[in-house]
Amino acid sequence: MKIIFNADDFGITDAVSASIVELFKAGTPLKSATVMINLLSDSSAELLKEFLRGDDGGGVSIGLHFNLTCSKPVSPAAEIPSIVGPDLNFLKFGELIGRACDKKIDVSHVVREFEAQMNAFYARLGFWPSHIDSHKHVHMLPDFFHAVAGSLEKFETKRIRLTENISAEELFTSQGIAKDKIMKCFAGNIYNKNGIYSYGSNTALAYPDLFFGTYSVGSLSAEVFEKEISGLENFGCVGEYMTHPGACDGNLAGLSSLLAPRESEFRALKDPLLAETLKKLNIEAVSYKALDDRKKSAVK
């Protein structure tokens, strides 16, 4: 088995960005990160580019953390009114989900903002994202997923985070969204196999075979990792483990409710015990490049 430890939220603050680059430089199992391009500072951008220019830069993948819920959009707010509030910031998570479930989001606004973030990523960093995921999993809403997947036909990026071993609505119920509300989005709108809502059979994009971290956000440790993948470690597949390492400061507190757990996950990724656990289980830590733009999952 191969595992992608991906650090979400690069760019949310300079302190978080610096922590992620430190983990890359230290040779930890972290080999991938996704960037919140609407929040990326010039200093965080330069820090990342400097690392990527170095000898170890080719071993990591850097993707786009598509964001529709935190701070200001890349697009002019007047061009995407259904996904911003009166303060010209993105809608809060709960309000966005509510509007999406009630079909009150103009999906063309999602497309416009996604493409704006893609183009901003290239303009700021000089390359296209290796893969796509999203802040609070918003790309996994059916209408939003189809918008993103359709837009990616215009770009070089052909890899995406999916959660084929977890029914897609669980990504939202695990964040406190009522099941009866979120099921208004999912029921009848995406493929249901054995009770699992899934996109894998309907996309040509490459994606990890398994996804971990939904129910352990902020609590990664060698022990938690081993328990979560128990029984799956011998599959010849590529899995992804979502992480949120970082350092807390006053800036972060104004943007995220996930604070001290970021420092805990930073320590867990740097702890030699995690690398030792991977070796014991014969699991290789890789980047999103290991997917090799595969279309079909090895595990059904």
Protein backbone atom coordinates (compact mmCIF):
# COMPACT_ATOMS: atom_id res chain seq x y z
CA MET A 1 0.00 0.00 0.00
CA LYS A 2 1.02 3.58 -0.66
CA ILE A 3 -0.29 6.50 1.35
CA ILE A 4 -0.48 10.21 0.55
CA PHE A 5 -0.32 12.37 3.66
CA ASN A 6 -1.75 15.66 2.37
CA ALA A 7 -1.55 18.87 4.38
CA ASP A 8 -4.68 20.92 3.78
CA ASP A 9 -4.75 24.71 4.25
CA PHE A 10 -1.30 25.80 3.04
CA GLY A 11 -1.51 29.58 2.90
CA ILE A 12 -4.23 30.09 5.48
CA THR A 13 -1.53 31.86 7.55
CA ASP A 14 2.21 32.24 7.20
CA ALA A 15 2.70 30.20 10.37
CA VAL A 16 0.78 27.24 8.95
CA SER A 17 2.66 27.51 5.65
CA ALA A 18 6.03 27.57 7.41
CA SER A 19 5.10 24.48 9.44
CA ILE A 20 4.21 22.52 6.31
CA VAL A 21 7.44 23.47 4.55
CA GLU A 22 9.36 22.50 7.69
CA LEU A 23 7.78 19.04 7.53
CA PHE A 24 8.73 18.72 3.86
CA LYS A 25 12.32 19.71 4.60
CA ALA A 26 12.56 17.29 7.53
CA GLY A 27 11.83 14.30 5.30
CA THR A 28 8.67 13.31 7.16
CA PRO A 29 5.93 11.16 5.58
CA LEU A 30 4.20 14.38 4.47
CA LYS A 31 4.65 14.53 0.69
CA SER A 32 1.72 16.66 -0.42
CA ALA A 33 -0.14 19.87 0.38
CA THR A 34 -2.98 21.95 -1.00
CA VAL A 35 -2.97 25.74 -1.18
CA MET A 36 -5.71 28.19 -0.21
CA ILE A 37 -4.82 30.54 -3.01
CA ASN A 38 -7.18 33.34 -1.97
CA LEU A 39 -5.31 33.65 1.35
CA LEU A 40 -1.76 32.94 0.17
CA SER A 41 0.63 35.74 1.14
CA ASP A 42 3.63 36.73 -0.94
CA SER A 43 5.96 35.44 1.77
CA SER A 44 4.27 32.02 1.91
CA ALA A 45 4.31 31.82 -1.89
CA GLU A 46 8.02 32.58 -2.01
CA LEU A 47 8.76 30.12 0.82
CA LEU A 48 7.03 27.37 -1.14
CA LYS A 49 8.68 28.23 -4.45
CA GLU A 50 12.09 28.33 -2.80
CA PHE A 51 11.55 24.85 -1.38
CA LEU A 52 10.31 23.50 -4.71
CA ARG A 53 13.42 24.82 -6.44
CA GLY A 54 15.59 22.78 -4.08
CA ASP A 55 16.77 19.20 -4.33
CA ASP A 56 13.78 17.81 -2.39
CA GLY A 57 11.08 19.81 -4.16
CA GLY A 58 10.40 17.21 -6.83
CA GLY A 59 9.28 14.68 -4.26
CA VAL A 60 6.13 16.52 -3.22
CA SER A 61 2.84 17.42 -4.88
CA ILE A 62 1.23 20.84 -4.48
CA GLY A 63 -2.46 21.14 -5.28
CA LEU A 64 -5.31 23.62 -4.98
CA HIS A 65 -7.43 23.67 -1.81
CA PHE A 66 -10.54 25.07 -3.50
CA ASN A 67 -12.16 27.43 -1.04
CA LEU A 68 -15.74 28.71 -0.96
CA THR A 69 -16.16 29.37 2.77
CA CYS A 70 -13.23 31.35 4.17
CA SER A 71 -12.44 35.03 3.63
CA LYS A 72 -12.73 36.80 0.28
CA PRO A 73 -13.02 35.24 -3.18
CA VAL A 74 -10.53 35.67 -5.98
CA SER A 75 -13.32 36.78 -8.33
CA PRO A 76 -14.97 40.17 -7.92
CA ALA A 77 -17.83 39.58 -5.49
CA ALA A 78 -20.29 41.27 -7.87
CA GLU A 79 -19.68 38.50 -10.40
CA ILE A 80 -20.52 35.65 -7.98
CA PRO A 81 -23.32 37.04 -5.78
CA SER A 82 -24.91 33.69 -4.87
CA ILE A 83 -21.80 32.50 -2.99
CA VAL A 84 -20.87 35.69 -1.10
CA GLY A 85 -22.54 37.64 1.68
CA PRO A 86 -23.21 41.36 2.18
CA ASP A 87 -19.67 41.76 3.57
CA LEU A 88 -18.32 40.51 0.20
CA ASN A 89 -16.76 37.50 1.92
CA PHE A 90 -17.70 33.93 1.12
CA LEU A 91 -20.81 32.60 2.84
CA LYS A 92 -20.21 30.71 6.07
CA PHE A 93 -20.08 26.94 5.67
CA GLY A 94 -23.53 26.20 7.06
CA GLU A 95 -25.18 28.88 4.96
CA LEU A 96 -23.43 27.71 1.79
CA ILE A 97 -24.56 24.13 2.39
CA GLY A 98 -28.11 25.25 3.13
CA ARG A 99 -28.30 27.30 -0.05
CA ALA A 100 -26.78 24.49 -2.09
CA CYS A 101 -29.28 21.97 -0.76
CA ASP A 102 -32.13 24.36 -1.55
CA LYS A 103 -30.78 24.92 -5.09
CA LYS A 104 -30.17 28.60 -4.39
CA ILE A 105 -26.57 28.63 -5.62
CA ASP A 106 -25.92 29.65 -9.21
CA VAL A 107 -23.47 26.93 -10.25
CA SER A 108 -21.97 29.24 -12.87
CA HIS A 109 -20.69 31.30 -9.94
CA VAL A 110 -18.93 28.21 -8.56
CA VAL A 111 -17.37 27.60 -11.97
CA ARG A 112 -16.24 31.21 -12.25
CA GLU A 113 -14.60 31.18 -8.82
CA PHE A 114 -13.00 27.78 -9.34
CA GLU A 115 -11.42 28.90 -12.59
CA ALA A 116 -10.32 32.16 -10.98
CA GLN A 117 -8.58 30.20 -8.22
CA MET A 118 -6.95 27.88 -10.75
CA ASN A 119 -5.62 30.79 -12.77
CA ALA A 120 -4.49 32.62 -9.62
CA PHE A 121 -2.60 29.50 -8.54
CA TYR A 122 -0.69 29.46 -11.82
CA ALA A 123 -0.08 33.20 -11.75
CA ARG A 124 1.23 33.13 -8.17
CA LEU A 125 3.23 29.88 -8.21
CA GLY A 126 4.16 29.33 -11.85
CA PHE A 127 2.68 25.85 -12.33
CA TRP A 128 -0.73 24.19 -12.39
CA PRO A 129 -1.96 22.33 -9.30
CA SER A 130 -0.98 18.67 -9.13
CA HIS A 131 -4.43 17.86 -7.78
CA ILE A 132 -7.64 19.34 -6.41
CA ASP A 133 -9.34 19.07 -3.05
CA SER A 134 -11.38 21.64 -1.16
CA HIS A 135 -11.85 23.44 2.12
CA LYS A 136 -14.49 21.60 4.14
CA HIS A 137 -15.00 19.20 1.20
CA VAL A 138 -17.29 21.58 -0.73
CA HIS A 139 -16.25 20.06 -4.07
CA MET A 140 -18.02 16.88 -2.96
CA LEU A 141 -21.47 18.45 -3.23
CA PRO A 142 -22.99 16.97 -6.42
CA ASP A 143 -23.57 20.21 -8.33
CA PHE A 144 -20.20 21.57 -7.24
CA PHE A 145 -18.36 18.37 -8.14
CA HIS A 146 -19.72 18.37 -11.66
CA ALA A 147 -18.84 22.05 -11.99
CA VAL A 148 -15.25 21.43 -10.88
CA ALA A 149 -14.80 18.25 -12.93
CA GLY A 150 -16.18 19.96 -16.02
CA SER A 151 -13.92 22.97 -15.55
CA LEU A 152 -10.85 20.76 -15.19
CA GLU A 153 -11.24 19.73 -18.82
CA LYS A 154 -9.71 23.15 -19.61
CA PHE A 155 -6.66 22.65 -17.39
CA GLU A 156 -3.67 20.34 -17.07
CA THR A 157 -4.73 19.17 -13.60
CA LYS A 158 -6.23 15.67 -13.80
CA ARG A 159 -6.18 14.41 -10.20
CA ILE A 160 -8.77 14.98 -7.48
CA ARG A 161 -9.57 13.93 -3.93
CA LEU A 162 -12.47 11.49 -3.76
CA THR A 163 -13.64 9.37 -0.84
CA GLU A 164 -14.65 6.09 -2.43
CA ASN A 165 -14.65 4.14 0.84
CA ILE A 166 -16.81 6.73 2.61
CA SER A 167 -20.27 7.77 1.46
CA ALA A 168 -19.97 11.37 0.30
CA GLU A 169 -22.67 12.76 2.57
CA GLU A 170 -20.65 11.66 5.61
CA LEU A 171 -18.11 14.37 4.78
CA PHE A 172 -20.80 16.86 5.78
CA THR A 173 -22.62 15.06 8.59
CA SER A 174 -19.19 14.65 10.23
CA GLN A 175 -18.99 18.47 10.23
CA GLY A 176 -22.34 18.92 11.94
CA ILE A 177 -24.67 19.22 8.95
CA ALA A 178 -27.98 17.45 9.63
CA LYS A 179 -28.38 14.28 7.57
CA ASP A 180 -31.89 15.14 6.40
CA LYS A 181 -30.58 18.45 5.06
CA ILE A 182 -27.55 17.09 3.23
CA MET A 183 -29.47 14.19 1.75
CA LYS A 184 -31.50 16.73 -0.20
CA CYS A 185 -28.28 17.29 -2.15
CA PHE A 186 -27.27 13.67 -2.59
CA ALA A 187 -30.34 11.47 -2.97
CA GLY A 188 -30.87 10.73 -6.65
CA ASN A 189 -28.06 13.03 -7.73
CA ILE A 190 -24.96 10.82 -7.69
CA TYR A 191 -24.18 7.13 -8.02
CA ASN A 192 -25.17 4.99 -5.05
CA LYS A 193 -23.36 1.65 -4.74
CA ASN A 194 -24.24 -0.46 -1.72
CA GLY A 195 -25.39 2.63 0.16
CA ILE A 196 -22.26 4.67 -0.63
CA TYR A 197 -22.62 7.85 -2.65
CA SER A 198 -19.65 7.94 -4.98
CA TYR A 199 -18.26 9.82 -7.99
CA GLY A 200 -15.50 7.43 -9.03
CA SER A 201 -17.41 5.58 -11.72
CA ASN A 202 -18.45 8.86 -13.36
CA THR A 203 -15.14 10.66 -13.77
CA ALA A 204 -12.00 10.30 -15.86
CA LEU A 205 -10.00 12.12 -13.18
CA ALA A 206 -7.48 10.11 -11.16
CA TYR A 207 -8.17 9.76 -7.44
CA PRO A 208 -6.90 7.82 -4.42
CA ASP A 209 -8.47 4.43 -3.86
CA LEU A 210 -9.09 5.03 -0.16
CA PHE A 211 -9.50 8.12 2.00
CA PHE A 212 -8.71 8.49 5.70
CA GLY A 213 -8.97 11.26 8.25
CA THR A 214 -12.66 12.15 8.08
CA TYR A 215 -13.33 11.14 11.67
CA SER A 216 -9.88 11.87 13.07
CA VAL A 217 -9.39 15.51 12.07
CA GLY A 218 -6.69 17.01 14.25
CA SER A 219 -5.91 13.80 16.11
CA LEU A 220 -3.32 12.06 13.93
CA SER A 221 -0.77 9.89 15.71
CA ALA A 222 1.02 6.68 14.81
CA GLU A 223 -1.51 4.77 16.89
CA VAL A 224 -4.52 6.51 15.33
CA PHE A 225 -3.14 5.94 11.84
CA GLU A 226 -2.51 2.24 12.41
CA LYS A 227 -5.98 1.75 13.86
CA GLU A 228 -7.68 3.62 11.02
CA ILE A 229 -6.05 1.63 8.22
CA SER A 230 -6.26 -1.71 10.03
CA GLY A 231 -7.26 -4.48 7.62
CA LEU A 232 -6.57 -2.38 4.53
CA GLU A 233 -2.80 -2.05 4.65
CA ASN A 234 -2.17 -5.05 2.40
CA PHE A 235 -4.23 -3.78 -0.52
CA GLY A 236 -2.10 -2.85 -3.50
CA CYS A 237 -3.55 0.62 -3.75
CA VAL A 238 -2.95 4.30 -3.09
CA GLY A 239 -4.76 5.88 -0.16
CA GLU A 240 -4.87 9.45 1.10
CA TYR A 241 -4.73 10.60 4.71
CA MET A 242 -5.98 14.16 5.23
CA THR A 243 -3.98 16.21 7.73
CA HIS A 244 -3.95 19.80 8.99
CA PRO A 245 -0.50 20.46 10.48
CA GLY A 246 0.44 23.97 11.50
CA ALA A 247 1.27 26.50 14.18
CA CYS A 248 -1.34 28.62 15.94
CA ASP A 249 -1.24 32.38 16.10
CA GLY A 250 -3.72 35.23 16.33
CA ASN A 251 -4.19 35.29 12.59
CA LEU A 252 -5.27 31.65 12.50
CA ALA A 253 -7.82 32.13 15.28
CA GLY A 254 -9.69 34.59 13.08
CA LEU A 255 -9.93 32.15 10.18
CA SER A 256 -10.34 28.66 11.60
CA SER A 257 -11.78 26.83 14.58
CA LEU A 258 -9.08 24.15 14.22
CA LEU A 259 -6.25 25.51 16.37
CA ALA A 260 -4.27 23.42 18.87
CA PRO A 261 -4.93 20.18 16.92
CA ARG A 262 -2.83 21.59 14.07
CA GLU A 263 0.19 21.71 16.35
CA SER A 264 -0.57 18.18 17.52
CA GLU A 265 -0.65 16.90 13.95
CA PHE A 266 2.58 18.75 13.18
CA ARG A 267 4.25 16.87 16.03
CA ALA A 268 2.71 13.56 14.93
CA LEU A 269 4.01 13.91 11.37
CA LYS A 270 7.47 14.77 12.68
CA ASP A 271 7.48 11.95 15.25
CA PRO A 272 9.78 9.09 14.10
CA LEU A 273 7.16 6.68 15.42
CA LEU A 274 4.88 7.43 12.46
CA ALA A 275 7.63 6.66 9.95
CA GLU A 276 8.47 3.51 11.91
CA THR A 277 4.82 2.45 11.80
CA LEU A 278 4.73 2.88 8.03
CA LYS A 279 7.86 0.76 7.69
CA LYS A 280 6.43 -1.93 9.97
CA LEU A 281 3.28 -2.11 7.85
CA ASN A 282 5.21 -1.97 4.56
CA ILE A 283 3.44 1.25 3.57
CA GLU A 284 5.21 3.80 1.39
CA ALA A 285 4.55 7.52 1.85
CA VAL A 286 4.09 9.12 -1.58
CA SER A 287 2.75 12.25 -3.26
CA TYR A 288 -0.28 12.63 -5.53
CA LYS A 289 2.07 11.97 -8.44
CA ALA A 290 1.88 8.28 -7.51
CA LEU A 291 -1.59 8.14 -9.00
CA ASP A 292 -0.07 8.41 -12.48
CA ASP A 293 -3.33 9.96 -13.71
CA ARG A 294 -5.12 6.65 -13.32
CA LYS A 295 -8.78 6.58 -14.20
CA LYS A 296 -9.88 3.40 -12.48
CA SER A 297 -9.51 2.49 -8.85
CA ALA A 298 -7.64 -0.68 -7.95
CA VAL A 299 -10.02 -1.32 -5.04
CA LYS A 300 -13.75 -1.61 -5.67
